[in-house]
Amino acid sequence: MKYRLLDEKSLIFEGADPFEVSEYVNRHVGVHRIRLPGSADPAAGLRHRKVGLIDLCRISYGGPVRVVSTGLSDVYHLQIILRGHCRYEISRQNHEFSSGDILLLNPDDPIDLTYSEDCEKFILKIPASLLDDVCAEQGWLKPREGIKFIPIRYQLHEIESLMNLLALLCQEAESADGSLQIFGHYNWIVANKLLTLLKHNIRREFPTLQSCSFERLVQHIDENIKRDISVEELARVSHMSLRSLYLLFERYADTTPKNYIKRRKLERIHATLIDPASTVRSVTAVALDYGFTHLGRFSECYKAAFGILPSDSLKRR
C-alpha cells in the first residue's frame, strides 16, 4: 500500500496479548469487547497517535477476532482495511470487506466485526463535536438526529485526496515540529474533507438569512446600538462559535462583526445629524451617546463613511 500510515515512532504494543491491546483501545479509541476463538497468542500490535481532537490508530490482533459494541457514543470511526479481510454484520446481513476497503461507523451504529487472522486496519477516530462545528461554520443544514454517514463501501482510489491527507497527518503527528495550532488546522481540514467526500444526510445548500439567524443579530444590534456590543455577546445570542459568527458576517455583510456594529452606529448618527426634526445641537453629545469616546477618530470614520465631517452634516441640517 502506497500510503504511509503511522510508523515505528507510534508503536505502543508489539507481540502483545490481544486483551491488553483491547484494553488500551477502550481507553483511547472506542468502547468495545473482543471475542477470540480458543486461546489467544501474544501477537497483537498497536500504533497510536493523538493529533488535536483526532486519534490515529493502526491495529492488528495477530489472530481471528470478533469485535462487538453497542455504539461509539460521541465519535465516528473511519476504518481502513490495510491487509486481510473482515466481515461486518449489520441488520442481520453480512458484508465482506477486504484490503483497500473502507468502512465508516456512526456513533450509534451497533458494531459486530469479525477480522481474519492476518487482518490489520487503520482507524481514524473523529469526535462528533468537530463535525458539528464544521457543519455550522460551512452553513450546512444538519438534521435533528445528527450527522449520519450512509453505510457505503468505499475504496482507496475513491477517496484518494483524503488518504493523502491522512498520510500527511500521520507524518505531522510523528514529527517533533507538530504544534496544537497546526493540529487544529489539520483537524478542521480532515473533518471538512470527510463531509465533502463521503455520503451523508447533511443538506449542503446555504441557509436563508432567517435560518442562519443573521437578521436576528441585526435586530439585536439595532436594539442595543448605543451600548458597547461585544463579539462574544453576539456569539451567545446566536448560539454560535466565534469562527461561525465571523463567517456569517463575512457572507452576509462582507465585513467583521465589530466593523458592522461600528457601521450601524455611524449610520444611526448620520441619520440623527441630518434629521430636521432632531433636537441634537452637538456632535460631541451624539458621538458620546453612541459610545465614541475618541472624537478625532470618530470624525475620521464618519468622513470616510459619508464623505463629510459630522459637524458639516449638523450645519447643513
Protein backbone atom coordinates (compact mmCIF):
# COMPACT_ATOMS: atom_id res chain seq x y z
CA MET A 1 0.00 0.00 0.00
CA LYS A 2 1.46 3.34 -1.05
CA TYR A 3 0.02 5.32 1.88
CA ARG A 4 2.29 5.54 4.90
CA LEU A 5 0.00 5.46 7.93
CA LEU A 6 2.00 5.55 11.19
CA ASP A 7 5.46 4.02 11.56
CA GLU A 8 7.57 2.71 14.44
CA LYS A 9 7.57 6.08 16.21
CA SER A 10 3.93 5.49 17.13
CA LEU A 11 4.41 1.89 18.33
CA ILE A 12 2.58 1.12 21.59
CA PHE A 13 2.36 -2.70 21.53
CA GLU A 14 4.13 -5.40 19.54
CA GLY A 15 3.69 -9.13 20.09
CA ALA A 16 1.30 -8.32 22.93
CA ASP A 17 -1.69 -10.03 24.48
CA PRO A 18 -4.83 -9.14 22.44
CA PHE A 19 -6.81 -8.33 25.59
CA GLU A 20 -4.10 -5.92 26.73
CA VAL A 21 -4.30 -4.15 23.37
CA SER A 22 -8.11 -4.17 23.56
CA GLU A 23 -7.99 -2.50 26.98
CA TYR A 24 -5.82 0.30 25.59
CA VAL A 25 -8.17 0.75 22.61
CA ASN A 26 -11.12 1.02 25.02
CA ARG A 27 -9.43 3.91 26.80
CA HIS A 28 -8.28 5.85 23.75
CA VAL A 29 -10.14 4.82 20.59
CA GLY A 30 -13.57 3.33 21.23
CA VAL A 31 -15.53 1.19 23.69
CA HIS A 32 -15.83 -2.43 22.56
CA ARG A 33 -15.37 -6.08 23.56
CA ILE A 34 -13.32 -8.72 21.76
CA ARG A 35 -14.01 -12.42 21.45
CA LEU A 36 -11.30 -14.85 20.45
CA PRO A 37 -11.83 -18.42 19.27
CA GLY A 38 -9.70 -20.63 21.53
CA SER A 39 -6.58 -19.40 23.31
CA ALA A 40 -5.04 -16.05 22.40
CA ASP A 41 -1.41 -15.88 21.28
CA PRO A 42 0.59 -12.78 22.27
CA ALA A 43 0.84 -11.48 18.71
CA ALA A 44 -1.25 -8.29 18.76
CA GLY A 45 0.21 -4.95 17.70
CA LEU A 46 -0.86 -1.33 18.03
CA ARG A 47 0.36 2.09 16.89
CA HIS A 48 -1.43 5.17 18.15
CA ARG A 49 -1.17 8.96 17.97
CA LYS A 50 -3.47 11.70 19.21
CA VAL A 51 -3.49 14.75 16.93
CA GLY A 52 -5.53 17.52 18.50
CA LEU A 53 -9.09 16.19 18.75
CA ILE A 54 -8.42 13.32 16.32
CA ASP A 55 -6.95 9.88 17.11
CA LEU A 56 -4.95 7.80 14.63
CA CYS A 57 -4.68 4.08 15.29
CA ARG A 58 -3.18 1.12 13.43
CA ILE A 59 -4.06 -2.25 14.94
CA SER A 60 -3.75 -5.98 14.36
CA TYR A 61 -4.72 -8.74 16.80
CA GLY A 62 -2.47 -11.45 15.39
CA GLY A 63 -5.33 -13.90 15.10
CA PRO A 64 -9.02 -14.17 14.21
CA VAL A 65 -11.07 -11.89 16.47
CA ARG A 66 -14.64 -10.66 16.78
CA VAL A 67 -15.20 -7.07 17.91
CA VAL A 68 -18.62 -6.07 19.24
CA SER A 69 -20.02 -2.82 20.64
CA THR A 70 -23.43 -1.25 21.19
CA GLY A 71 -22.11 2.01 19.73
CA LEU A 72 -19.30 4.52 19.80
CA SER A 73 -21.18 7.14 21.85
CA ASP A 74 -19.97 10.51 20.54
CA VAL A 75 -17.28 9.61 17.99
CA TYR A 76 -17.08 8.41 14.39
CA HIS A 77 -14.69 5.74 13.09
CA LEU A 78 -13.27 5.65 9.61
CA GLN A 79 -11.82 2.13 9.35
CA ILE A 80 -9.46 1.22 6.52
CA ILE A 81 -8.59 -2.44 5.91
CA LEU A 82 -4.85 -2.46 5.21
CA ARG A 83 -4.49 -6.24 4.79
CA GLY A 84 -6.55 -9.36 5.34
CA HIS A 85 -10.32 -9.13 5.44
CA CYS A 86 -13.23 -8.61 7.83
CA ARG A 87 -16.94 -9.32 7.99
CA TYR A 88 -19.34 -6.59 9.13
CA GLU A 89 -22.73 -7.76 10.34
CA ILE A 90 -25.50 -5.14 10.40
CA SER A 91 -29.27 -5.68 10.41
CA ARG A 92 -28.63 -9.45 10.22
CA GLN A 93 -26.79 -9.07 6.93
CA ASN A 94 -23.11 -9.83 6.43
CA HIS A 95 -20.86 -7.56 4.38
CA GLU A 96 -17.35 -8.67 3.45
CA PHE A 97 -14.50 -6.14 3.42
CA SER A 98 -11.02 -6.84 2.15
CA SER A 99 -7.72 -4.97 1.78
CA GLY A 100 -8.33 -1.47 0.38
CA ASP A 101 -11.95 -1.28 1.51
CA ILE A 102 -13.14 1.48 3.83
CA LEU A 103 -15.98 1.49 6.33
CA LEU A 104 -17.34 4.45 8.29
CA LEU A 105 -19.15 3.83 11.58
CA ASN A 106 -21.58 6.35 13.06
CA PRO A 107 -21.67 6.95 16.84
CA ASP A 108 -24.85 4.94 17.45
CA ASP A 109 -24.17 2.15 14.92
CA PRO A 110 -24.04 -1.27 16.60
CA ILE A 111 -20.71 -2.91 15.82
CA ASP A 112 -20.20 -6.57 15.02
CA LEU A 113 -16.93 -7.07 13.13
CA THR A 114 -15.03 -10.31 12.62
CA TYR A 115 -11.40 -9.99 11.49
CA SER A 116 -9.25 -12.59 9.77
CA GLU A 117 -6.03 -13.79 11.37
CA ASP A 118 -3.88 -11.59 9.12
CA CYS A 119 -6.13 -8.54 9.26
CA GLU A 120 -4.65 -5.11 10.01
CA LYS A 121 -6.70 -1.93 9.99
CA PHE A 122 -6.20 1.80 10.35
CA ILE A 123 -8.75 3.74 12.39
CA LEU A 124 -9.42 7.47 12.21
CA LYS A 125 -11.38 8.48 15.32
CA ILE A 126 -13.08 11.86 15.00
CA PRO A 127 -15.40 13.42 17.61
CA ALA A 128 -18.96 14.33 16.68
CA SER A 129 -18.44 17.84 18.08
CA LEU A 130 -15.75 18.56 15.46
CA LEU A 131 -18.02 17.54 12.57
CA ASP A 132 -20.85 19.60 14.09
CA ASP A 133 -18.59 22.69 14.22
CA VAL A 134 -17.50 22.28 10.61
CA CYS A 135 -21.11 21.82 9.52
CA ALA A 136 -22.12 25.02 11.35
CA GLU A 137 -19.17 27.01 10.02
CA GLN A 138 -19.93 25.97 6.45
CA GLY A 139 -23.57 26.97 6.88
CA TRP A 140 -24.85 23.47 6.08
CA LEU A 141 -28.16 22.27 7.48
CA LYS A 142 -27.65 19.46 9.99
CA PRO A 143 -30.65 17.17 10.60
CA ARG A 144 -32.11 16.99 14.11
CA GLU A 145 -30.95 13.41 14.56
CA GLY A 146 -27.36 14.48 13.95
CA ILE A 147 -24.88 13.75 11.18
CA LYS A 148 -25.27 10.25 9.76
CA PHE A 149 -22.93 8.81 7.16
CA ILE A 150 -24.57 6.40 4.75
CA PRO A 151 -23.15 2.85 5.16
CA ILE A 152 -21.47 2.51 1.77
CA ARG A 153 -18.32 0.57 0.95
CA TYR A 154 -15.57 2.92 -0.18
CA GLN A 155 -12.25 2.02 -1.77
CA LEU A 156 -8.94 3.83 -1.52
CA HIS A 157 -8.96 5.18 -5.07
CA GLU A 158 -12.39 6.77 -4.47
CA ILE A 159 -11.13 8.97 -1.65
CA GLU A 160 -7.51 9.39 -2.69
CA SER A 161 -7.34 13.02 -1.60
CA LEU A 162 -8.44 12.03 1.91
CA MET A 163 -5.86 9.25 2.02
CA ASN A 164 -3.09 11.63 1.01
CA LEU A 165 -4.25 13.99 3.75
CA LEU A 166 -4.25 11.20 6.36
CA ALA A 167 -0.74 10.16 5.33
CA LEU A 168 0.38 13.76 5.74
CA LEU A 169 -1.37 13.97 9.12
CA CYS A 170 0.40 10.80 10.31
CA GLN A 171 3.72 12.26 9.23
CA GLU A 172 2.95 15.52 11.05
CA ALA A 173 1.86 13.63 14.17
CA GLU A 174 5.20 11.80 14.32
CA SER A 175 7.20 14.96 13.69
CA ALA A 176 8.79 16.86 16.56
CA ASP A 177 7.66 20.08 14.89
CA GLY A 178 3.94 19.49 15.39
CA SER A 179 2.01 22.05 17.47
CA LEU A 180 -1.54 22.30 18.81
CA GLN A 181 -2.25 25.14 16.39
CA ILE A 182 -1.09 23.11 13.39
CA PHE A 183 -3.04 20.07 14.61
CA GLY A 184 -6.14 22.23 14.98
CA HIS A 185 -5.90 23.27 11.33
CA TYR A 186 -5.44 19.64 10.27
CA ASN A 187 -8.43 18.57 12.38
CA TRP A 188 -10.67 21.09 10.62
CA ILE A 189 -9.41 20.11 7.16
CA VAL A 190 -9.86 16.37 7.79
CA ALA A 191 -13.39 16.87 9.12
CA ASN A 192 -14.25 19.10 6.17
CA LYS A 193 -12.82 16.53 3.76
CA LEU A 194 -14.96 13.76 5.28
CA LEU A 195 -18.12 15.83 4.91
CA THR A 196 -17.18 16.75 1.34
CA LEU A 197 -16.17 13.32 0.02
CA LEU A 198 -18.46 10.87 1.79
CA LYS A 199 -22.24 10.49 1.53
CA HIS A 200 -24.34 11.64 4.49
CA ASN A 201 -27.66 13.21 5.47
CA ILE A 202 -26.50 16.86 5.57
CA ARG A 203 -28.05 19.42 3.26
CA ARG A 204 -25.20 21.47 1.86
CA GLU A 205 -27.13 24.37 0.39
CA PHE A 206 -26.62 27.63 2.22
CA PRO A 207 -29.40 28.54 4.64
CA THR A 208 -31.54 31.64 4.28
CA LEU A 209 -30.97 34.78 6.31
CA GLN A 210 -33.70 33.74 8.71
CA SER A 211 -32.41 30.22 9.27
CA CYS A 212 -28.83 31.32 9.90
CA SER A 213 -30.08 33.99 12.38
CA PHE A 214 -28.33 36.93 10.69
CA GLU A 215 -31.50 39.02 10.77
CA ARG A 216 -31.92 38.30 14.47
CA LEU A 217 -28.38 39.50 15.09
CA VAL A 218 -29.01 42.70 13.14
CA GLN A 219 -32.14 43.26 15.21
CA HIS A 220 -30.19 42.72 18.44
CA ILE A 221 -27.53 45.19 17.31
CA ASP A 222 -30.12 47.83 16.38
CA GLU A 223 -31.99 47.41 19.67
CA ASN A 224 -28.76 47.86 21.64
CA ILE A 225 -26.98 50.21 19.27
CA LYS A 226 -25.92 52.70 21.95
CA ARG A 227 -24.24 50.02 24.06
CA ASP A 228 -20.77 48.57 23.63
CA ILE A 229 -21.79 45.27 21.99
CA SER A 230 -19.00 42.67 22.07
CA VAL A 231 -18.42 39.87 19.59
CA GLU A 232 -18.75 37.40 22.47
CA GLU A 233 -22.23 38.77 23.21
CA LEU A 234 -23.30 38.19 19.60
CA ALA A 235 -21.95 34.63 19.76
CA ARG A 236 -24.06 33.97 22.85
CA VAL A 237 -27.17 35.48 21.31
CA SER A 238 -26.81 33.42 18.13
CA HIS A 239 -25.56 30.24 19.87
CA MET A 240 -22.59 30.14 17.50
CA SER A 241 -18.88 29.71 17.86
CA LEU A 242 -16.79 32.82 17.23
CA ARG A 243 -15.49 31.30 13.99
CA SER A 244 -19.05 30.62 12.77
CA LEU A 245 -20.07 34.16 13.70
CA TYR A 246 -17.24 35.71 11.69
CA LEU A 247 -18.09 33.52 8.69
CA LEU A 248 -21.74 34.56 8.95
CA PHE A 249 -20.90 38.28 8.86
CA GLU A 250 -18.39 37.76 6.07
CA ARG A 251 -21.03 36.02 3.98
CA TYR A 252 -23.93 38.45 4.53
CA ALA A 253 -22.24 41.75 5.41
CA ASP A 254 -18.81 41.37 3.79
CA THR A 255 -17.12 42.56 6.99
CA THR A 256 -16.38 41.58 10.58
CA PRO A 257 -18.98 41.80 13.38
CA LYS A 258 -17.08 44.65 15.05
CA ASN A 259 -16.89 46.70 11.85
CA TYR A 260 -20.55 46.00 11.14
CA ILE A 261 -21.57 47.32 14.58
CA LYS A 262 -19.48 50.47 14.07
CA ARG A 263 -21.02 50.97 10.65
CA ARG A 264 -24.54 50.71 12.08
CA LYS A 265 -23.67 53.23 14.80
CA LEU A 266 -22.31 55.68 12.22
CA GLU A 267 -25.40 55.25 10.05
CA ARG A 268 -27.64 55.97 13.05
CA ILE A 269 -25.61 59.05 13.97
CA HIS A 270 -25.66 60.28 10.38
CA ALA A 271 -29.44 59.90 10.25
CA THR A 272 -29.74 61.83 13.52
CA LEU A 273 -27.47 64.68 12.43
CA ILE A 274 -29.29 65.29 9.12
CA ASP A 275 -32.80 64.86 10.54
CA PRO A 276 -34.52 68.28 10.64
CA ALA A 277 -36.73 67.04 13.47
CA SER A 278 -33.77 66.05 15.64
CA THR A 279 -33.11 68.12 18.76
CA VAL A 280 -29.38 67.33 18.79
CA ARG A 281 -27.27 70.51 18.99
CA SER A 282 -23.78 68.99 19.50
CA VAL A 283 -21.77 66.40 17.56
CA THR A 284 -19.88 65.56 20.75
CA ALA A 285 -23.08 64.73 22.60
CA VAL A 286 -24.40 62.36 19.96
CA ALA A 287 -20.99 60.71 19.45
CA LEU A 288 -20.62 60.01 23.18
CA ASP A 289 -24.21 58.79 23.30
CA TYR A 290 -23.30 56.05 20.79
CA GLY A 291 -20.09 55.11 22.56
CA PHE A 292 -17.47 57.02 20.54
CA THR A 293 -15.12 58.42 23.17
CA HIS A 294 -12.28 59.38 20.84
CA LEU A 295 -13.83 62.30 18.96
CA GLY A 296 -10.98 62.80 16.47
CA ARG A 297 -11.12 59.16 15.41
CA PHE A 298 -14.90 59.33 15.27
CA SER A 299 -14.74 62.28 12.85
CA GLU A 300 -12.29 60.39 10.62
CA CYS A 301 -14.54 57.31 10.49
CA TYR A 302 -17.61 59.44 9.82
CA LYS A 303 -15.94 61.29 6.95
CA ALA A 304 -14.64 58.02 5.47
CA ALA A 305 -18.18 56.63 5.52
CA PHE A 306 -20.14 59.67 4.28
CA GLY A 307 -17.54 61.96 2.67
CA ILE A 308 -18.28 64.81 5.05
CA LEU A 309 -17.38 65.77 8.60
CA PRO A 310 -20.09 65.25 11.25
CA SER A 311 -20.00 68.96 12.11
CA ASP A 312 -20.77 69.83 8.48
CA SER A 313 -23.70 67.39 8.49
CA LEU A 314 -25.09 69.17 11.52
CA LYS A 315 -24.65 72.60 9.89
CA ARG A 316 -26.36 71.53 6.66
CA ARG A 317 -29.35 70.30 8.58
